[in-house]
PDB file of N, CA and C in Angstrom:
ATOM      1  N   MET A   1       0.587  -1.152  -0.063  1.00  0.00           N
ATOM      2  CA  MET A   1       0.203  -0.119  -0.085  1.00  0.00           C
ATOM      3  C   MET A   1       0.833   1.323   0.049  1.00  0.00           C
ATOM      4  N   ASN A   2       0.593   2.265  -0.922  1.00  0.00           N
ATOM      5  CA  ASN A   2       1.218   3.110  -0.846  1.00  0.00           C
ATOM      6  C   ASN A   2       0.927   4.442  -0.164  1.00  0.00           C
ATOM      7  N   ASN A   3       1.464   5.544  -0.012  1.00  0.00           N
ATOM      8  CA  ASN A   3       1.108   6.724   0.953  1.00  0.00           C
ATOM      9  C   ASN A   3      -0.069   7.075   0.542  1.00  0.00           C
ATOM     10  N   LEU A   4      -0.014   7.393  -0.938  1.00  0.00           N
ATOM     11  CA  LEU A   4      -1.638   7.873  -1.696  1.00  0.00           C
ATOM     12  C   LEU A   4      -2.818   6.787  -1.101  1.00  0.00           C
ATOM     13  N   ASN A   5      -2.688   5.716  -1.667  1.00  0.00           N
ATOM     14  CA  ASN A   5      -3.855   4.588  -1.412  1.00  0.00           C
ATOM     15  C   ASN A   5      -4.065   5.032   0.533  1.00  0.00           C
ATOM     16  N   LEU A   6      -2.866   4.883   1.314  1.00  0.00           N
ATOM     17  CA  LEU A   6      -3.226   4.849   2.681  1.00  0.00           C
ATOM     18  C   LEU A   6      -4.208   6.384   3.017  1.00  0.00           C
ATOM     19  N   GLU A   7      -3.464   7.711   2.514  1.00  0.00           N
ATOM     20  CA  GLU A   7      -4.427   8.510   2.860  1.00  0.00           C
ATOM     21  C   GLU A   7      -6.114   8.362   2.506  1.00  0.00           C
ATOM     22  N   ALA A   8      -6.249   8.029   1.241  1.00  0.00           N
ATOM     23  CA  ALA A   8      -7.425   7.380   0.865  1.00  0.00           C
ATOM     24  C   ALA A   8      -8.348   6.605   1.644  1.00  0.00           C
ATOM     25  N   GLY A   9      -7.493   5.725   2.135  1.00  0.00           N
ATOM     26  CA  GLY A   9      -8.126   4.675   3.467  1.00  0.00           C
ATOM     27  C   GLY A   9      -8.445   5.279   4.426  1.00  0.00           C
ATOM     28  N   LEU A  10      -7.492   6.457   4.941  1.00  0.00           N
ATOM     29  CA  LEU A  10      -7.585   6.846   6.106  1.00  0.00           C
ATOM     30  C   LEU A  10      -9.157   7.691   6.070  1.00  0.00           C
ATOM     31  N   ALA A  11      -9.059   8.756   4.601  1.00  0.00           N
ATOM     32  CA  ALA A  11     -10.214   9.731   4.613  1.00  0.00           C
ATOM     33  C   ALA A  11     -11.257   8.858   4.694  1.00  0.00           C
ATOM     34  N   THR A  12     -11.343   7.605   3.905  1.00  0.00           N
ATOM     35  CA  THR A  12     -12.967   7.002   3.768  1.00  0.00           C
ATOM     36  C   THR A  12     -12.939   6.558   5.061  1.00  0.00           C
ATOM     37  N   VAL A  13     -12.327   6.298   5.733  1.00  0.00           N
ATOM     38  CA  VAL A  13     -12.622   5.816   7.111  1.00  0.00           C
ATOM     39  C   VAL A  13     -13.318   6.814   8.279  1.00  0.00           C
ATOM     40  N   ASP A  14     -12.439   8.065   7.906  1.00  0.00           N
ATOM     41  CA  ASP A  14     -13.011   9.271   8.747  1.00  0.00           C
ATOM     42  C   ASP A  14     -14.791   9.880   8.214  1.00  0.00           C
ATOM     43  N   LYS A  15     -14.711   9.157   7.033  1.00  0.00           N
ATOM     44  CA  LYS A  15     -16.560   9.624   6.487  1.00  0.00           C
ATOM     45  C   LYS A  15     -17.262   8.523   6.887  1.00  0.00           C
ATOM     46  N   ALA A  16     -16.786   7.181   7.117  1.00  0.00           N
ATOM     47  CA  ALA A  16     -17.485   6.089   7.823  1.00  0.00           C
ATOM     48  C   ALA A  16     -18.533   6.364   8.624  1.00  0.00           C
ATOM     49  N   ASN A  17     -19.727   7.042   8.670  1.00  0.00           N
ATOM     50  CA  ASN A  17     -20.640   7.207   9.141  1.00  0.00           C
ATOM     51  C   ASN A  17     -20.985   5.800  10.727  1.00  0.00           C
ATOM     52  N   SER A  18     -20.953   4.984  10.058  1.00  0.00           N
ATOM     53  CA  SER A  18     -21.648   3.413  10.302  1.00  0.00           C
ATOM     54  C   SER A  18     -20.574   3.170  11.808  1.00  0.00           C
ATOM     55  N   LEU A  19     -19.409   3.548  11.802  1.00  0.00           N
ATOM     56  CA  LEU A  19     -18.375   3.274  13.077  1.00  0.00           C
ATOM     57  C   LEU A  19     -18.254   4.060  14.034  1.00  0.00           C
ATOM     58  N   SER A  20     -17.674   3.594  15.236  1.00  0.00           N
ATOM     59  CA  SER A  20     -18.067   4.515  16.175  1.00  0.00           C
ATOM     60  C   SER A  20     -16.511   4.985  16.591  1.00  0.00           C
ATOM     61  N   PRO A  21     -16.083   5.934  17.060  1.00  0.00           N
ATOM     62  CA  PRO A  21     -14.621   6.719  17.113  1.00  0.00           C
ATOM     63  C   PRO A  21     -13.624   5.748  17.663  1.00  0.00           C
ATOM     64  N   GLU A  22     -14.034   4.614  18.498  1.00  0.00           N
ATOM     65  CA  GLU A  22     -13.115   3.893  18.639  1.00  0.00           C
ATOM     66  C   GLU A  22     -12.466   2.732  17.427  1.00  0.00           C
ATOM     67  N   GLN A  23     -13.784   2.577  16.390  1.00  0.00           N
ATOM     68  CA  GLN A  23     -13.617   1.581  15.664  1.00  0.00           C
ATOM     69  C   GLN A  23     -13.196   2.298  14.320  1.00  0.00           C
ATOM     70  N   LYS A  24     -13.077   3.667  14.470  1.00  0.00           N
ATOM     71  CA  LYS A  24     -12.431   4.227  13.709  1.00  0.00           C
ATOM     72  C   LYS A  24     -10.421   4.493  13.587  1.00  0.00           C
ATOM     73  N   ASP A  25     -10.542   4.521  15.217  1.00  0.00           N
ATOM     74  CA  ASP A  25      -9.125   4.697  15.397  1.00  0.00           C
ATOM     75  C   ASP A  25      -8.718   3.348  15.065  1.00  0.00           C
ATOM     76  N   ALA A  26      -9.064   2.194  15.751  1.00  0.00           N
ATOM     77  CA  ALA A  26      -8.457   1.037  15.181  1.00  0.00           C
ATOM     78  C   ALA A  26      -8.383   0.444  13.698  1.00  0.00           C
ATOM     79  N   THR A  27      -9.615   0.879  12.704  1.00  0.00           N
ATOM     80  CA  THR A  27      -8.996   0.609  11.600  1.00  0.00           C
ATOM     81  C   THR A  27      -8.111   1.538  11.425  1.00  0.00           C
ATOM     82  N   LYS A  28      -7.549   2.481  11.575  1.00  0.00           N
ATOM     83  CA  LYS A  28      -6.849   3.548  10.970  1.00  0.00           C
ATOM     84  C   LYS A  28      -5.231   2.838  11.420  1.00  0.00           C
ATOM     85  N   ARG A  29      -5.625   2.653  12.597  1.00  0.00           N
ATOM     86  CA  ARG A  29      -4.328   1.632  13.630  1.00  0.00           C
ATOM     87  C   ARG A  29      -3.996   0.367  12.076  1.00  0.00           C
ATOM     88  N   ILE A  30      -4.737  -0.348  12.010  1.00  0.00           N
ATOM     89  CA  ILE A  30      -4.740  -1.494  10.949  1.00  0.00           C
ATOM     90  C   ILE A  30      -4.039  -1.052   9.467  1.00  0.00           C
ATOM     91  N   LEU A  31      -4.515  -0.228   8.963  1.00  0.00           N
ATOM     92  CA  LEU A  31      -4.206   0.287   8.054  1.00  0.00           C
ATOM     93  C   LEU A  31      -2.730   0.829   7.820  1.00  0.00           C
ATOM     94  N   ARG A  32      -2.732   1.850   8.967  1.00  0.00           N
ATOM     95  CA  ARG A  32      -0.977   2.151   8.974  1.00  0.00           C
ATOM     96  C   ARG A  32       0.045   1.189   9.117  1.00  0.00           C
ATOM     97  N   ALA A  33      -0.535  -0.107  10.009  1.00  0.00           N
ATOM     98  CA  ALA A  33       0.596  -1.455  10.236  1.00  0.00           C
ATOM     99  C   ALA A  33       0.672  -1.756   8.904  1.00  0.00           C
ATOM    100  N   PHE A  34      -0.541  -1.782   8.103  1.00  0.00           N
ATOM    101  CA  PHE A  34      -0.371  -2.964   6.834  1.00  0.00           C
ATOM    102  C   PHE A  34       0.713  -2.177   5.839  1.00  0.00           C
ATOM    103  N   ALA A  35       0.301  -0.953   6.181  1.00  0.00           N
ATOM    104  CA  ALA A  35       1.137  -0.202   5.174  1.00  0.00           C
ATOM    105  C   ALA A  35       2.538   0.303   5.696  1.00  0.00           C
ATOM    106  N   GLY A  36       3.118  -0.001   6.958  1.00  0.00           N
ATOM    107  CA  GLY A  36       4.601  -0.066   7.046  1.00  0.00           C
ATOM    108  C   GLY A  36       4.545   1.329   7.596  1.00  0.00           C
ATOM    109  N   VAL A  37       3.593   2.155   7.997  1.00  0.00           N
ATOM    110  CA  VAL A  37       4.038   3.555   8.565  1.00  0.00           C
ATOM    111  C   VAL A  37       4.023   3.684   9.812  1.00  0.00           C
ATOM    112  N   GLU A  38       4.860   4.071  10.407  1.00  0.00           N
ATOM    113  CA  GLU A  38       5.249   4.103  11.723  1.00  0.00           C
ATOM    114  C   GLU A  38       4.223   5.305  12.385  1.00  0.00           C
ATOM    115  N   GLN A  39       3.407   5.141  13.487  1.00  0.00           N
ATOM    116  CA  GLN A  39       2.307   5.730  13.827  1.00  0.00           C
ATOM    117  C   GLN A  39       3.014   6.495  15.170  1.00  0.00           C
ATOM    118  N   GLU A  40       3.096   7.843  14.877  1.00  0.00           N
ATOM    119  CA  GLU A  40       3.673   8.844  16.275  1.00  0.00           C
ATOM    120  C   GLU A  40       2.746   8.481  17.472  1.00  0.00           C
ATOM    121  N   GLU A  41       3.288   8.678  18.354  1.00  0.00           N
ATOM    122  CA  GLU A  41       2.344   8.726  19.605  1.00  0.00           C
ATOM    123  C   GLU A  41       1.903   9.764  19.670  1.00  0.00           C
ATOM    124  N   GLU A  42       0.213  10.221  19.821  1.00  0.00           N
ATOM    125  CA  GLU A  42      -0.460  10.701  20.075  1.00  0.00           C
ATOM    126  C   GLU A  42      -0.802  11.417  21.274  1.00  0.00           C
ATOM    127  N   LYS A  43      -0.794  13.024  21.106  1.00  0.00           N
ATOM    128  CA  LYS A  43      -0.907  13.413  22.599  1.00  0.00           C
ATOM    129  C   LYS A  43      -2.475  13.264  22.806  1.00  0.00           C
ATOM    130  N   VAL A  44      -2.557  13.217  24.492  1.00  0.00           N
ATOM    131  CA  VAL A  44      -3.639  13.001  24.657  1.00  0.00           C
ATOM    132  C   VAL A  44      -3.973  14.023  25.872  1.00  0.00           C
ATOM    133  N   TYR A  45      -5.108  14.373  25.747  1.00  0.00           N
ATOM    134  CA  TYR A  45      -5.681  15.241  26.758  1.00  0.00           C
ATOM    135  C   TYR A  45      -7.074  14.525  27.600  1.00  0.00           C
ATOM    136  N   SER A  46      -7.569  15.138  28.718  1.00  0.00           N
ATOM    137  CA  SER A  46      -8.340  14.849  29.628  1.00  0.00           C
ATOM    138  C   SER A  46      -9.099  15.795  29.825  1.00  0.00           C
ATOM    139  N   ALA A  47     -10.756  15.105  30.157  1.00  0.00           N
ATOM    140  CA  ALA A  47     -11.127  16.471  31.008  1.00  0.00           C
ATOM    141  C   ALA A  47     -10.818  16.858  31.857  1.00  0.00           C
ATOM    142  N   GLY A  48     -11.093  18.357  32.430  1.00  0.00           N
ATOM    143  CA  GLY A  48     -10.001  18.909  33.391  1.00  0.00           C
ATOM    144  C   GLY A  48      -9.152  19.609  33.002  1.00  0.00           C
ATOM    145  N   ASN A  49      -8.430  19.288  32.153  1.00  0.00           N
ATOM    146  CA  ASN A  49      -7.309  20.090  31.409  1.00  0.00           C
ATOM    147  C   ASN A  49      -7.452  21.397  31.218  1.00  0.00           C
ATOM    148  N   ARG A  50      -6.815  22.195  31.792  1.00  0.00           N
ATOM    149  CA  ARG A  50      -6.659  23.680  31.374  1.00  0.00           C
ATOM    150  C   ARG A  50      -5.966  24.084  30.182  1.00  0.00           C
ATOM    151  N   PHE A  51      -6.187  25.305  29.845  1.00  0.00           N
ATOM    152  CA  PHE A  51      -5.152  25.800  28.321  1.00  0.00           C
ATOM    153  C   PHE A  51      -5.435  27.075  28.109  1.00  0.00           C
ATOM    154  N   GLU A  52      -4.662  27.854  27.908  1.00  0.00           N
ATOM    155  CA  GLU A  52      -4.888  29.261  27.936  1.00  0.00           C
ATOM    156  C   GLU A  52      -4.695  29.600  26.443  1.00  0.00           C
ATOM    157  N   THR A  53      -5.355  30.370  25.986  1.00  0.00           N
ATOM    158  CA  THR A  53      -5.143  31.012  24.444  1.00  0.00           C
ATOM    159  C   THR A  53      -4.343  32.182  24.368  1.00  0.00           C
ATOM    160  N   HIS A  54      -3.645  32.384  22.869  1.00  0.00           N
ATOM    161  CA  HIS A  54      -2.720  33.423  23.008  1.00  0.00           C
ATOM    162  C   HIS A  54      -3.032  34.971  23.319  1.00  0.00           C
ATOM    163  N   GLY A  55      -4.672  35.006  23.495  1.00  0.00           N
ATOM    164  CA  GLY A  55      -5.608  35.991  23.799  1.00  0.00           C
ATOM    165  C   GLY A  55      -5.313  36.153  25.618  1.00  0.00           C
ATOM    166  N   GLY A  56      -5.085  35.233  26.034  1.00  0.00           N
ATOM    167  CA  GLY A  56      -5.200  35.563  27.367  1.00  0.00           C
ATOM    168  C   GLY A  56      -6.095  34.555  28.075  1.00  0.00           C
ATOM    169  N   GLY A  57      -7.267  33.952  27.327  1.00  0.00           N
ATOM    170  CA  GLY A  57      -8.613  33.360  28.197  1.00  0.00           C
ATOM    171  C   GLY A  57      -7.960  31.671  28.469  1.00  0.00           C
ATOM    172  N   ILE A  58      -8.560  31.795  29.297  1.00  0.00           N
ATOM    173  CA  ILE A  58      -8.513  30.273  30.156  1.00  0.00           C
ATOM    174  C   ILE A  58      -9.611  29.683  29.652  1.00  0.00           C
ATOM    175  N   PHE A  59      -9.484  28.378  29.171  1.00  0.00           N
ATOM    176  CA  PHE A  59     -10.708  27.212  29.167  1.00  0.00           C
ATOM    177  C   PHE A  59     -10.414  26.164  29.813  1.00  0.00           C
ATOM    178  N   ILE A  60     -11.158  25.403  29.784  1.00  0.00           N
ATOM    179  CA  ILE A  60     -11.085  24.221  30.318  1.00  0.00           C
ATOM    180  C   ILE A  60     -12.000  23.042  29.506  1.00  0.00           C
ATOM    181  N   LEU A  61     -11.146  21.670  29.223  1.00  0.00           N
ATOM    182  CA  LEU A  61     -11.960  20.503  28.287  1.00  0.00           C
ATOM    183  C   LEU A  61     -13.070  19.892  29.300  1.00  0.00           C
ATOM    184  N   ALA A  62     -14.336  20.399  28.696  1.00  0.00           N
ATOM    185  CA  ALA A  62     -15.214  19.887  29.675  1.00  0.00           C
ATOM    186  C   ALA A  62     -16.123  18.666  29.016  1.00  0.00           C
ATOM    187  N   ARG A  63     -16.845  18.215  29.453  1.00  0.00           N
ATOM    188  CA  ARG A  63     -17.919  17.241  29.339  1.00  0.00           C
ATOM    189  C   ARG A  63     -19.242  17.880  28.417  1.00  0.00           C
ATOM    190  N   ALA A  64     -19.361  17.866  27.495  1.00  0.00           N
ATOM    191  CA  ALA A  64     -20.604  18.196  26.968  1.00  0.00           C
ATOM    192  C   ALA A  64     -21.995  17.644  27.267  1.00  0.00           C
ATOM    193  N   ASN A  65     -22.136  16.780  26.549  1.00  0.00           N
ATOM    194  CA  ASN A  65     -23.325  15.756  26.772  1.00  0.00           C
ATOM    195  C   ASN A  65     -23.133  14.616  25.495  1.00  0.00           C
ATOM    196  N   ASP A  66     -23.539  13.689  25.959  1.00  0.00           N
ATOM    197  CA  ASP A  66     -23.485  11.721  25.002  1.00  0.00           C
ATOM    198  C   ASP A  66     -22.327  11.851  24.337  1.00  0.00           C
ATOM    199  N   GLY A  67     -21.335  11.873  25.025  1.00  0.00           N
ATOM    200  CA  GLY A  67     -19.852  11.656  24.201  1.00  0.00           C
ATOM    201  C   GLY A  67     -19.463  12.901  23.872  1.00  0.00           C
ATOM    202  N   LYS A  68     -19.681  13.867  24.129  1.00  0.00           N
ATOM    203  CA  LYS A  68     -19.023  15.271  23.215  1.00  0.00           C
ATOM    204  C   LYS A  68     -18.146  15.641  24.557  1.00  0.00           C
ATOM    205  N   ALA A  69     -17.152  16.777  24.081  1.00  0.00           N
ATOM    206  CA  ALA A  69     -16.615  17.335  25.067  1.00  0.00           C
ATOM    207  C   ALA A  69     -16.521  18.672  23.845  1.00  0.00           C
ATOM    208  N   VAL A  70     -16.203  19.654  25.024  1.00  0.00           N
ATOM    209  CA  VAL A  70     -15.825  21.049  24.293  1.00  0.00           C
ATOM    210  C   VAL A  70     -14.936  22.063  25.318  1.00  0.00           C
ATOM    211  N   LEU A  71     -14.405  23.106  24.656  1.00  0.00           N
ATOM    212  CA  LEU A  71     -13.275  23.984  25.408  1.00  0.00           C
ATOM    213  C   LEU A  71     -14.460  25.032  26.038  1.00  0.00           C
ATOM    214  N   THR A  72     -14.291  25.274  27.265  1.00  0.00           N
ATOM    215  CA  THR A  72     -15.177  25.748  28.062  1.00  0.00           C
ATOM    216  C   THR A  72     -14.596  27.338  28.598  1.00  0.00           C
ATOM    217  N   SER A  73     -14.692  28.471  28.571  1.00  0.00           N
ATOM    218  CA  SER A  73     -14.246  29.732  29.219  1.00  0.00           C
ATOM    219  C   SER A  73     -14.137  29.600  30.984  1.00  0.00           C
ATOM    220  N   LEU A  74     -13.245  29.834  31.329  1.00  0.00           N
ATOM    221  CA  LEU A  74     -13.383  29.649  32.965  1.00  0.00           C
ATOM    222  C   LEU A  74     -14.276  31.312  32.977  1.00  0.00           C
ATOM    223  N   SER A  75     -13.769  32.040  32.434  1.00  0.00           N
ATOM    224  CA  SER A  75     -14.172  33.517  32.909  1.00  0.00           C
ATOM    225  C   SER A  75     -15.825  33.425  32.356  1.00  0.00           C
ATOM    226  N   ASP A  76     -16.219  33.279  31.444  1.00  0.00           N
ATOM    227  CA  ASP A  76     -17.822  33.387  31.207  1.00  0.00           C
ATOM    228  C   ASP A  76     -18.821  31.825  30.950  1.00  0.00           C
ATOM    229  N   GLY A  77     -17.935  31.154  30.761  1.00  0.00           N
ATOM    230  CA  GLY A  77     -18.963  29.688  30.363  1.00  0.00           C
ATOM    231  C   GLY A  77     -18.995  29.373  29.033  1.00  0.00           C
ATOM    232  N   ASN A  78     -18.972  30.337  28.179  1.00  0.00           N
ATOM    233  CA  ASN A  78     -19.108  30.278  26.782  1.00  0.00           C
ATOM    234  C   ASN A  78     -18.397  29.376  26.306  1.00  0.00           C
ATOM    235  N   GLN A  79     -18.790  28.591  25.323  1.00  0.00           N
ATOM    236  CA  GLN A  79     -17.744  27.576  24.599  1.00  0.00           C
ATOM    237  C   GLN A  79     -16.994  28.187  23.302  1.00  0.00           C
ATOM    238  N   TRP A  80     -15.834  27.094  23.234  1.00  0.00           N
ATOM    239  CA  TRP A  80     -14.887  28.151  21.925  1.00  0.00           C
ATOM    240  C   TRP A  80     -15.425  27.585  20.541  1.00  0.00           C
ATOM    241  N   ALA A  81     -15.894  26.546  20.228  1.00  0.00           N
ATOM    242  CA  ALA A  81     -16.657  26.372  19.227  1.00  0.00           C
ATOM    243  C   ALA A  81     -17.690  25.113  19.711  1.00  0.00           C
ATOM    244  N   SER A  82     -18.215  24.207  18.790  1.00  0.00           N
ATOM    245  CA  SER A  82     -18.988  23.305  19.094  1.00  0.00           C
ATOM    246  C   SER A  82     -19.018  22.188  19.773  1.00  0.00           C
ATOM    247  N   PRO A  83     -19.255  21.698  20.565  1.00  0.00           N
ATOM    248  CA  PRO A  83     -18.831  20.094  21.263  1.00  0.00           C
ATOM    249  C   PRO A  83     -19.020  19.395  19.848  1.00  0.00           C
ATOM    250  N   VAL A  84     -17.286  18.699  20.645  1.00  0.00           N
ATOM    251  CA  VAL A  84     -16.945  17.474  19.588  1.00  0.00           C
ATOM    252  C   VAL A  84     -17.299  16.131  20.098  1.00  0.00           C
ATOM    253  N   GLU A  85     -17.756  15.334  19.141  1.00  0.00           N
ATOM    254  CA  GLU A  85     -17.922  13.524  19.815  1.00  0.00           C
ATOM    255  C   GLU A  85     -16.467  13.547  19.997  1.00  0.00           C
ATOM    256  N   VAL A  86     -16.234  12.589  20.876  1.00  0.00           N
ATOM    257  CA  VAL A  86     -15.249  11.955  21.526  1.00  0.00           C
ATOM    258  C   VAL A  86     -15.122  10.788  21.837  1.00  0.00           C
ATOM    259  N   GLY A  87     -13.991   9.664  21.764  1.00  0.00           N
ATOM    260  CA  GLY A  87     -13.953   8.389  22.175  1.00  0.00           C
ATOM    261  C   GLY A  87     -14.258   8.291  23.428  1.00  0.00           C
ATOM    262  N   ASP A  88     -13.229   8.988  24.221  1.00  0.00           N
ATOM    263  CA  ASP A  88     -13.124   8.810  25.817  1.00  0.00           C
ATOM    264  C   ASP A  88     -12.726  10.056  26.083  1.00  0.00           C
ATOM    265  N   ARG A  89     -13.938  10.852  27.142  1.00  0.00           N
ATOM    266  CA  ARG A  89     -13.742  12.186  27.427  1.00  0.00           C
ATOM    267  C   ARG A  89     -12.128  12.342  28.696  1.00  0.00           C
ATOM    268  N   PHE A  90     -11.719  11.299  28.848  1.00  0.00           N
ATOM    269  CA  PHE A  90     -10.637  11.087  29.794  1.00  0.00           C
ATOM    270  C   PHE A  90      -9.516  10.833  28.864  1.00  0.00           C
ATOM    271  N   ALA A  91      -9.291  10.611  27.409  1.00  0.00           N
ATOM    272  CA  ALA A  91      -8.176  10.372  26.684  1.00  0.00           C
ATOM    273  C   ALA A  91      -8.672  10.769  25.059  1.00  0.00           C
ATOM    274  N   VAL A  92      -8.833  12.140  24.949  1.00  0.00           N
ATOM    275  CA  VAL A  92      -9.057  12.782  24.223  1.00  0.00           C
ATOM    276  C   VAL A  92      -7.975  12.910  23.263  1.00  0.00           C
ATOM    277  N   THR A  93      -7.980  12.632  21.919  1.00  0.00           N
ATOM    278  CA  THR A  93      -7.195  12.515  20.837  1.00  0.00           C
ATOM    279  C   THR A  93      -6.476  13.594  20.324  1.00  0.00           C
ATOM    280  N   ALA A  94      -5.168  13.860  19.538  1.00  0.00           N
ATOM    281  CA  ALA A  94      -4.910  15.019  19.446  1.00  0.00           C
ATOM    282  C   ALA A  94      -5.724  15.472  18.138  1.00  0.00           C
ATOM    283  N   SER A  95      -6.579  14.819  17.191  1.00  0.00           N
ATOM    284  CA  SER A  95      -7.425  15.001  15.981  1.00  0.00           C
ATOM    285  C   SER A  95      -8.927  15.308  16.913  1.00  0.00           C
ATOM    286  N   GLU A  96      -9.179  14.647  18.138  1.00  0.00           N
ATOM    287  CA  GLU A  96     -10.439  15.393  18.360  1.00  0.00           C
ATOM    288  C   GLU A  96     -10.191  16.763  19.179  1.00  0.00           C
ATOM    289  N   PHE A  97      -9.219  16.928  19.949  1.00  0.00           N
ATOM    290  CA  PHE A  97      -8.886  18.283  20.385  1.00  0.00           C
ATOM    291  C   PHE A  97      -8.524  18.980  19.072  1.00  0.00           C
ATOM    292  N   THR A  98      -8.060  18.819  17.973  1.00  0.00           N
ATOM    293  CA  THR A  98      -7.931  19.716  16.740  1.00  0.00           C
ATOM    294  C   THR A  98      -9.325  20.048  16.465  1.00  0.00           C
ATOM    295  N   LYS A  99      -9.951  19.023  16.327  1.00  0.00           N
ATOM    296  CA  LYS A  99     -11.808  19.419  16.155  1.00  0.00           C
ATOM    297  C   LYS A  99     -12.189  20.887  16.987  1.00  0.00           C
ATOM    298  N   MET A 100     -11.962  20.457  18.177  1.00  0.00           N
ATOM    299  CA  MET A 100     -12.371  21.550  19.268  1.00  0.00           C
ATOM    300  C   MET A 100     -11.951  22.890  19.295  1.00  0.00           C
ATOM    301  N   CYS A 101     -10.846  22.932  18.988  1.00  0.00           N
ATOM    302  CA  CYS A 101     -10.235  24.272  18.352  1.00  0.00           C
ATOM    303  C   CYS A 101     -11.148  25.111  17.897  1.00  0.00           C
ATOM    304  N   GLY A 102     -11.548  24.438  16.854  1.00  0.00           N
ATOM    305  CA  GLY A 102     -12.528  25.369  15.716  1.00  0.00           C
ATOM    306  C   GLY A 102     -11.147  25.907  14.791  1.00  0.00           C
ATOM    307  N   VAL A 103     -11.803  27.028  14.286  1.00  0.00           N
ATOM    308  CA  VAL A 103     -10.714  27.643  12.842  1.00  0.00           C
ATOM    309  C   VAL A 103      -9.617  27.762  13.058  1.00  0.00           C
ATOM    310  N   THR A 104      -9.482  28.257  14.454  1.00  0.00           N
ATOM    311  CA  THR A 104      -8.355  28.944  15.011  1.00  0.00           C
ATOM    312  C   THR A 104      -7.290  27.697  15.035  1.00  0.00           C
ATOM    313  N   GLY A 105      -7.576  26.738  15.597  1.00  0.00           N
ATOM    314  CA  GLY A 105      -6.528  25.369  15.637  1.00  0.00           C
ATOM    315  C   GLY A 105      -6.321  25.550  16.852  1.00  0.00           C
ATOM    316  N   PRO A 106      -5.278  24.078  17.338  1.00  0.00           N
ATOM    317  CA  PRO A 106      -4.639  24.102  18.450  1.00  0.00           C
ATOM    318  C   PRO A 106      -3.766  24.749  18.627  1.00  0.00           C
ATOM    319  N   SER A 107      -3.008  25.325  17.837  1.00  0.00           N
ATOM    320  CA  SER A 107      -1.890  26.183  18.025  1.00  0.00           C
ATOM    321  C   SER A 107      -2.186  27.520  18.869  1.00  0.00           C
ATOM    322  N   ASN A 108      -3.485  27.572  18.691  1.00  0.00           N
ATOM    323  CA  ASN A 108      -3.789  28.847  19.560  1.00  0.00           C
ATOM    324  C   ASN A 108      -3.882  28.596  21.192  1.00  0.00           C
ATOM    325  N   PHE A 109      -3.658  27.373  21.666  1.00  0.00           N
ATOM    326  CA  PHE A 109      -4.118  26.761  22.940  1.00  0.00           C
ATOM    327  C   PHE A 109      -2.733  26.079  23.524  1.00  0.00           C
ATOM    328  N   THR A 110      -2.326  26.405  25.002  1.00  0.00           N
ATOM    329  CA  THR A 110      -1.258  26.013  25.321  1.00  0.00           C
ATOM    330  C   THR A 110      -1.832  25.496  26.408  1.00  0.00           C
ATOM    331  N   ARG A 111      -1.324  24.331  26.947  1.00  0.00           N
ATOM    332  CA  ARG A 111      -2.079  23.408  27.956  1.00  0.00           C
ATOM    333  C   ARG A 111      -1.152  24.125  29.267  1.00  0.00           C
ATOM    334  N   ILE A 112      -2.267  24.508  30.423  1.00  0.00           N
ATOM    335  CA  ILE A 112      -1.470  25.125  31.707  1.00  0.00           C
ATOM    336  C   ILE A 112      -1.627  23.900  32.530  1.00  0.00           C
ATOM    337  N   GLU A 113      -0.476  23.562  33.729  1.00  0.00           N
ATOM    338  CA  GLU A 113      -0.735  22.981  34.651  1.00  0.00           C
ATOM    339  C   GLU A 113      -1.426  23.855  35.735  1.00  0.00           C
ATOM    340  N   VAL A 114      -2.660  23.097  36.727  1.00  0.00           N
ATOM    341  CA  VAL A 114      -2.975  23.610  37.438  1.00  0.00           C
ATOM    342  C   VAL A 114      -2.568  23.127  38.745  1.00  0.00           C
ATOM    343  N   LYS A 115      -1.924  23.468  40.064  1.00  0.00           N
ATOM    344  CA  LYS A 115      -1.529  22.684  41.363  1.00  0.00           C
ATOM    345  C   LYS A 115      -2.772  22.706  42.123  1.00  0.00           C
ATOM    346  N   ASP A 116      -2.969  21.607  42.714  1.00  0.00           N
ATOM    347  CA  ASP A 116      -4.325  21.571  43.462  1.00  0.00           C
ATOM    348  C   ASP A 116      -4.266  22.942  44.738  1.00  0.00           C
ATOM    349  N   ASP A 117      -5.180  23.421  44.967  1.00  0.00           N
ATOM    350  CA  ASP A 117      -4.822  24.161  46.111  1.00  0.00           C
ATOM    351  C   ASP A 117      -4.786  23.220  47.800  1.00  0.00           C
TER     352      ASP A 117
END
């Protein structure tokens, strides 16, 4: 399988409405393994993680509803973008996080560590 076919296969999996997020991830891993492509270790985020935007806003990765998560402002409660379906809100993948970041993309967000009081 060459890279062009791999990319087409991955795109097809993304569009498959009949597959759950977990099934899509597993299928992608199989396609990459079959193609001999090393898979990068993907960043994983969790509900409760906090992020600062370049503009200084502080957001928390929060559960929205029915398997969805969203970035919510701690100052006014507004959502950064629409909630996104996630496979596990305590193991949000980099691709799921990218969708949460909307048009500005994940480069607008820096994860910040919060020490317990």
